[in-house]
């Protein structure tokens, strides 16, 4: 399965998805108010759009000769690549925009207006919110896209191999 992955297109798409996610994250970190946490969801939505475009593009480049499960696998590999870049870019943005983030003790910029049950760290939950969106939310929307879009883009599913697959039910005809 890994031999069929075009590494260059996967890395470029993951990088574009991470950059699209990082633009709203920049504004969230700059404003540092909990009420602006909707920006993180906008970034994850942009991440999802890029992963979806990548999946449809992969299906079109392979001229619908690829199996649906292979397209789902390619999409998940791109999602994980995008998450790795998102976490890296989020760390860079936090290091640059939050004075004292890498030093011991509390940072100079803290999240304002957060609820009482927010997980506290040296930024009062700012870095937790950013890293949670960069990992969990991006994985959720990327996996959703990676499952739905291959079935949408691969119109001729009759050509999928009939051999055993992870979703195959043995003994059922």
C-alpha atoms as a PDB file:
ATOM      1  CA  UNK A   1       0.000   0.000   0.000  1.00  0.00           C
ATOM      2  CA  UNK A   2       2.802   2.419   0.832  1.00  0.00           C
ATOM      3  CA  UNK A   3       4.411   1.915  -2.583  1.00  0.00           C
ATOM      4  CA  UNK A   4       1.431   3.516  -4.312  1.00  0.00           C
ATOM      5  CA  UNK A   5       1.604   6.729  -2.267  1.00  0.00           C
ATOM      6  CA  UNK A   6       3.030   9.705  -4.101  1.00  0.00           C
ATOM      7  CA  UNK A   7       5.172  11.144  -1.316  1.00  0.00           C
ATOM      8  CA  UNK A   8       5.636  14.553  -2.926  1.00  0.00           C
ATOM      9  CA  UNK A   9       1.894  15.162  -3.419  1.00  0.00           C
ATOM     10  CA  UNK A  10       1.161  13.869   0.076  1.00  0.00           C
ATOM     11  CA  UNK A  11       3.694  16.171   1.723  1.00  0.00           C
ATOM     12  CA  UNK A  12       2.623  19.187  -0.343  1.00  0.00           C
ATOM     13  CA  UNK A  13      -1.060  18.604   0.445  1.00  0.00           C
ATOM     14  CA  UNK A  14      -0.304  18.100   4.147  1.00  0.00           C
ATOM     15  CA  UNK A  15       1.755  21.274   4.145  1.00  0.00           C
ATOM     16  CA  UNK A  16      -1.004  23.280   2.440  1.00  0.00           C
ATOM     17  CA  UNK A  17      -3.580  21.893   4.896  1.00  0.00           C
ATOM     18  CA  UNK A  18      -1.371  22.861   7.840  1.00  0.00           C
ATOM     19  CA  UNK A  19      -0.812  26.354   6.450  1.00  0.00           C
ATOM     20  CA  UNK A  20      -4.562  26.782   5.918  1.00  0.00           C
ATOM     21  CA  UNK A  21      -5.101  25.705   9.538  1.00  0.00           C
ATOM     22  CA  UNK A  22      -2.376  28.036  10.814  1.00  0.00           C
ATOM     23  CA  UNK A  23      -3.846  31.257   9.411  1.00  0.00           C
ATOM     24  CA  UNK A  24      -6.854  31.369  11.801  1.00  0.00           C
ATOM     25  CA  UNK A  25      -4.641  30.027  14.601  1.00  0.00           C
ATOM     26  CA  UNK A  26      -2.395  33.071  14.175  1.00  0.00           C
ATOM     27  CA  UNK A  27      -5.371  35.387  14.763  1.00  0.00           C
ATOM     28  CA  UNK A  28      -6.556  33.325  17.745  1.00  0.00           C
ATOM     29  CA  UNK A  29      -3.156  33.473  19.425  1.00  0.00           C
ATOM     30  CA  UNK A  30      -2.793  37.181  18.676  1.00  0.00           C
ATOM     31  CA  UNK A  31      -6.176  38.025  20.219  1.00  0.00           C
ATOM     32  CA  UNK A  32      -5.881  35.452  23.064  1.00  0.00           C
ATOM     33  CA  UNK A  33      -9.588  35.519  24.035  1.00  0.00           C
ATOM     34  CA  UNK A  34     -11.550  32.340  24.679  1.00  0.00           C
ATOM     35  CA  UNK A  35     -14.568  33.808  22.894  1.00  0.00           C
ATOM     36  CA  UNK A  36     -12.536  33.722  19.658  1.00  0.00           C
ATOM     37  CA  UNK A  37     -11.979  29.968  19.822  1.00  0.00           C
ATOM     38  CA  UNK A  38     -14.311  29.612  16.827  1.00  0.00           C
ATOM     39  CA  UNK A  39     -11.254  30.568  14.768  1.00  0.00           C
ATOM     40  CA  UNK A  40      -9.750  27.178  15.573  1.00  0.00           C
ATOM     41  CA  UNK A  41     -12.796  25.477  14.060  1.00  0.00           C
ATOM     42  CA  UNK A  42     -12.505  27.652  10.958  1.00  0.00           C
ATOM     43  CA  UNK A  43      -8.900  26.476  10.657  1.00  0.00           C
ATOM     44  CA  UNK A  44      -9.984  22.846  10.976  1.00  0.00           C
ATOM     45  CA  UNK A  45     -12.661  23.410   8.329  1.00  0.00           C
ATOM     46  CA  UNK A  46      -9.997  24.782   5.982  1.00  0.00           C
ATOM     47  CA  UNK A  47      -7.874  21.734   6.823  1.00  0.00           C
ATOM     48  CA  UNK A  48     -10.816  19.500   5.872  1.00  0.00           C
ATOM     49  CA  UNK A  49     -11.317  21.281   2.546  1.00  0.00           C
ATOM     50  CA  UNK A  50      -7.672  20.785   1.564  1.00  0.00           C
ATOM     51  CA  UNK A  51      -7.781  17.079   2.481  1.00  0.00           C
ATOM     52  CA  UNK A  52     -10.995  16.685   0.468  1.00  0.00           C
ATOM     53  CA  UNK A  53      -9.504  18.387  -2.584  1.00  0.00           C
ATOM     54  CA  UNK A  54      -6.440  16.151  -2.283  1.00  0.00           C
ATOM     55  CA  UNK A  55      -8.608  13.008  -2.146  1.00  0.00           C
ATOM     56  CA  UNK A  56     -10.684  13.993  -5.174  1.00  0.00           C
ATOM     57  CA  UNK A  57      -7.534  14.973  -7.057  1.00  0.00           C
ATOM     58  CA  UNK A  58      -5.888  11.618  -6.281  1.00  0.00           C
ATOM     59  CA  UNK A  59      -8.971   9.825  -7.555  1.00  0.00           C
ATOM     60  CA  UNK A  60      -8.975  11.853 -10.777  1.00  0.00           C
ATOM     61  CA  UNK A  61      -5.239  11.387 -11.356  1.00  0.00           C
ATOM     62  CA  UNK A  62      -5.611   7.629 -11.035  1.00  0.00           C
ATOM     63  CA  UNK A  63      -8.588   7.730 -13.452  1.00  0.00           C
ATOM     64  CA  UNK A  64     -10.834   5.879 -11.004  1.00  0.00           C
ATOM     65  CA  UNK A  65      -8.706   2.730 -11.295  1.00  0.00           C
ATOM     66  CA  UNK A  66      -7.815   2.777  -7.609  1.00  0.00           C
ATOM     67  CA  UNK A  67      -9.876   0.939  -5.021  1.00  0.00           C
ATOM     68  CA  UNK A  68     -11.976   2.904  -2.574  1.00  0.00           C
ATOM     69  CA  UNK A  69     -10.084   1.532   0.435  1.00  0.00           C
ATOM     70  CA  UNK A  70      -6.769   2.574  -1.108  1.00  0.00           C
ATOM     71  CA  UNK A  71      -8.076   6.112  -1.601  1.00  0.00           C
ATOM     72  CA  UNK A  72      -9.220   6.178   2.033  1.00  0.00           C
ATOM     73  CA  UNK A  73      -5.759   5.028   3.089  1.00  0.00           C
ATOM     74  CA  UNK A  74      -4.063   7.718   0.960  1.00  0.00           C
ATOM     75  CA  UNK A  75      -6.329  10.347   2.479  1.00  0.00           C
ATOM     76  CA  UNK A  76      -5.522   9.231   6.022  1.00  0.00           C
ATOM     77  CA  UNK A  77      -1.791   9.325   5.326  1.00  0.00           C
ATOM     78  CA  UNK A  78      -2.211  12.905   4.073  1.00  0.00           C
ATOM     79  CA  UNK A  79      -4.279  13.741   7.165  1.00  0.00           C
ATOM     80  CA  UNK A  80      -1.563  12.471   9.499  1.00  0.00           C
ATOM     81  CA  UNK A  81       1.080  14.372   7.529  1.00  0.00           C
ATOM     82  CA  UNK A  82      -1.027  17.533   7.798  1.00  0.00           C
ATOM     83  CA  UNK A  83      -1.465  17.006  11.544  1.00  0.00           C
ATOM     84  CA  UNK A  84       2.288  16.711  12.047  1.00  0.00           C
ATOM     85  CA  UNK A  85       2.833  19.965  10.153  1.00  0.00           C
ATOM     86  CA  UNK A  86      -0.071  21.618  12.037  1.00  0.00           C
ATOM     87  CA  UNK A  87       1.449  20.767  15.400  1.00  0.00           C
ATOM     88  CA  UNK A  88       4.845  22.037  14.242  1.00  0.00           C
ATOM     89  CA  UNK A  89       3.390  25.316  12.926  1.00  0.00           C
ATOM     90  CA  UNK A  90       1.279  25.761  16.081  1.00  0.00           C
ATOM     91  CA  UNK A  91       4.367  25.334  18.252  1.00  0.00           C
ATOM     92  CA  UNK A  92       6.271  27.857  16.128  1.00  0.00           C
ATOM     93  CA  UNK A  93       3.391  30.347  16.315  1.00  0.00           C
ATOM     94  CA  UNK A  94       3.097  29.939  20.097  1.00  0.00           C
ATOM     95  CA  UNK A  95       6.856  30.331  20.501  1.00  0.00           C
ATOM     96  CA  UNK A  96       6.915  33.510  18.407  1.00  0.00           C
ATOM     97  CA  UNK A  97       3.693  35.204  19.511  1.00  0.00           C
ATOM     98  CA  UNK A  98       3.615  34.365  23.227  1.00  0.00           C
ATOM     99  CA  UNK A  99       6.502  35.992  25.098  1.00  0.00           C
ATOM    100  CA  UNK A 100       8.007  33.644  27.682  1.00  0.00           C
ATOM    101  CA  UNK A 101       6.370  30.527  26.234  1.00  0.00           C
ATOM    102  CA  UNK A 102       9.598  28.526  26.260  1.00  0.00           C
ATOM    103  CA  UNK A 103      10.845  29.949  29.559  1.00  0.00           C
ATOM    104  CA  UNK A 104      10.125  28.580  33.025  1.00  0.00           C
ATOM    105  CA  UNK A 105       7.064  29.940  34.807  1.00  0.00           C
ATOM    106  CA  UNK A 106       3.952  31.507  33.344  1.00  0.00           C
ATOM    107  CA  UNK A 107       4.034  33.103  29.933  1.00  0.00           C
ATOM    108  CA  UNK A 108       3.356  36.811  29.499  1.00  0.00           C
ATOM    109  CA  UNK A 109       0.285  36.206  27.335  1.00  0.00           C
ATOM    110  CA  UNK A 110      -2.566  34.218  28.885  1.00  0.00           C
ATOM    111  CA  UNK A 111      -5.944  33.093  27.584  1.00  0.00           C
ATOM    112  CA  UNK A 112      -8.641  35.520  28.760  1.00  0.00           C
ATOM    113  CA  UNK A 113     -12.258  34.697  29.564  1.00  0.00           C
ATOM    114  CA  UNK A 114     -11.869  30.933  29.690  1.00  0.00           C
ATOM    115  CA  UNK A 115     -14.306  28.793  31.704  1.00  0.00           C
ATOM    116  CA  UNK A 116     -13.341  27.549  35.128  1.00  0.00           C
ATOM    117  CA  UNK A 117     -12.940  23.936  34.021  1.00  0.00           C
ATOM    118  CA  UNK A 118     -10.358  24.731  31.324  1.00  0.00           C
ATOM    119  CA  UNK A 119      -7.146  22.739  31.561  1.00  0.00           C
ATOM    120  CA  UNK A 120      -4.572  25.114  33.009  1.00  0.00           C
ATOM    121  CA  UNK A 121      -1.032  25.327  31.747  1.00  0.00           C
ATOM    122  CA  UNK A 122       1.508  28.111  31.619  1.00  0.00           C
ATOM    123  CA  UNK A 123      -0.737  30.050  29.192  1.00  0.00           C
ATOM    124  CA  UNK A 124      -4.019  29.346  31.071  1.00  0.00           C
ATOM    125  CA  UNK A 125      -5.232  26.985  28.351  1.00  0.00           C
ATOM    126  CA  UNK A 126      -4.157  28.866  25.211  1.00  0.00           C
ATOM    127  CA  UNK A 127      -1.659  26.219  24.117  1.00  0.00           C
ATOM    128  CA  UNK A 128      -4.044  23.408  25.110  1.00  0.00           C
ATOM    129  CA  UNK A 129      -6.789  24.835  22.884  1.00  0.00           C
ATOM    130  CA  UNK A 130      -4.401  25.233  19.952  1.00  0.00           C
ATOM    131  CA  UNK A 131      -2.813  21.782  20.228  1.00  0.00           C
ATOM    132  CA  UNK A 132      -6.186  20.101  20.810  1.00  0.00           C
ATOM    133  CA  UNK A 133      -7.489  21.634  17.587  1.00  0.00           C
ATOM    134  CA  UNK A 134      -4.272  20.774  15.730  1.00  0.00           C
ATOM    135  CA  UNK A 135      -4.459  17.098  16.707  1.00  0.00           C
ATOM    136  CA  UNK A 136      -7.885  15.830  17.728  1.00  0.00           C
ATOM    137  CA  UNK A 137     -10.164  18.092  15.706  1.00  0.00           C
ATOM    138  CA  UNK A 138      -7.977  17.950  12.595  1.00  0.00           C
ATOM    139  CA  UNK A 139      -7.822  14.161  12.840  1.00  0.00           C
ATOM    140  CA  UNK A 140     -11.597  13.995  13.204  1.00  0.00           C
ATOM    141  CA  UNK A 141     -12.356  16.162  10.175  1.00  0.00           C
ATOM    142  CA  UNK A 142      -9.546  14.593   8.138  1.00  0.00           C
ATOM    143  CA  UNK A 143     -10.781  11.067   8.900  1.00  0.00           C
ATOM    144  CA  UNK A 144     -14.342  12.044   8.095  1.00  0.00           C
ATOM    145  CA  UNK A 145     -13.182  13.420   4.764  1.00  0.00           C
ATOM    146  CA  UNK A 146     -10.965  10.383   4.205  1.00  0.00           C
ATOM    147  CA  UNK A 147     -13.911   8.041   4.625  1.00  0.00           C
ATOM    148  CA  UNK A 148     -16.642   9.968   2.805  1.00  0.00           C
ATOM    149  CA  UNK A 149     -14.811  11.471  -0.190  1.00  0.00           C
ATOM    150  CA  UNK A 150     -13.328   8.239  -1.629  1.00  0.00           C
ATOM    151  CA  UNK A 151     -16.813   6.812  -1.954  1.00  0.00           C
ATOM    152  CA  UNK A 152     -17.984  10.045  -3.552  1.00  0.00           C
ATOM    153  CA  UNK A 153     -15.094  10.397  -5.980  1.00  0.00           C
ATOM    154  CA  UNK A 154     -14.758   6.734  -7.002  1.00  0.00           C
ATOM    155  CA  UNK A 155     -17.953   6.303  -9.017  1.00  0.00           C
ATOM    156  CA  UNK A 156     -17.225   2.839 -10.419  1.00  0.00           C
ATOM    157  CA  UNK A 157     -16.941   0.728  -7.304  1.00  0.00           C
ATOM    158  CA  UNK A 158     -17.795  -2.454  -9.186  1.00  0.00           C
ATOM    159  CA  UNK A 159     -14.133  -2.647 -10.181  1.00  0.00           C
ATOM    160  CA  UNK A 160     -12.992  -2.827  -6.552  1.00  0.00           C
ATOM    161  CA  UNK A 161     -11.284  -6.139  -5.775  1.00  0.00           C
ATOM    162  CA  UNK A 162     -13.553  -8.731  -4.231  1.00  0.00           C
ATOM    163  CA  UNK A 163     -10.788 -10.148  -2.071  1.00  0.00           C
ATOM    164  CA  UNK A 164     -10.672  -9.926   1.700  1.00  0.00           C
ATOM    165  CA  UNK A 165     -10.374  -6.456   3.091  1.00  0.00           C
ATOM    166  CA  UNK A 166     -10.564  -4.995   6.582  1.00  0.00           C
ATOM    167  CA  UNK A 167     -14.314  -4.521   6.135  1.00  0.00           C
ATOM    168  CA  UNK A 168     -14.979  -7.960   4.657  1.00  0.00           C
ATOM    169  CA  UNK A 169     -17.380 -10.206   6.560  1.00  0.00           C
ATOM    170  CA  UNK A 170     -16.216 -13.795   6.286  1.00  0.00           C
ATOM    171  CA  UNK A 171     -18.925 -16.374   5.788  1.00  0.00           C
ATOM    172  CA  UNK A 172     -21.474 -13.903   4.393  1.00  0.00           C
ATOM    173  CA  UNK A 173     -22.435 -14.245   0.748  1.00  0.00           C
END
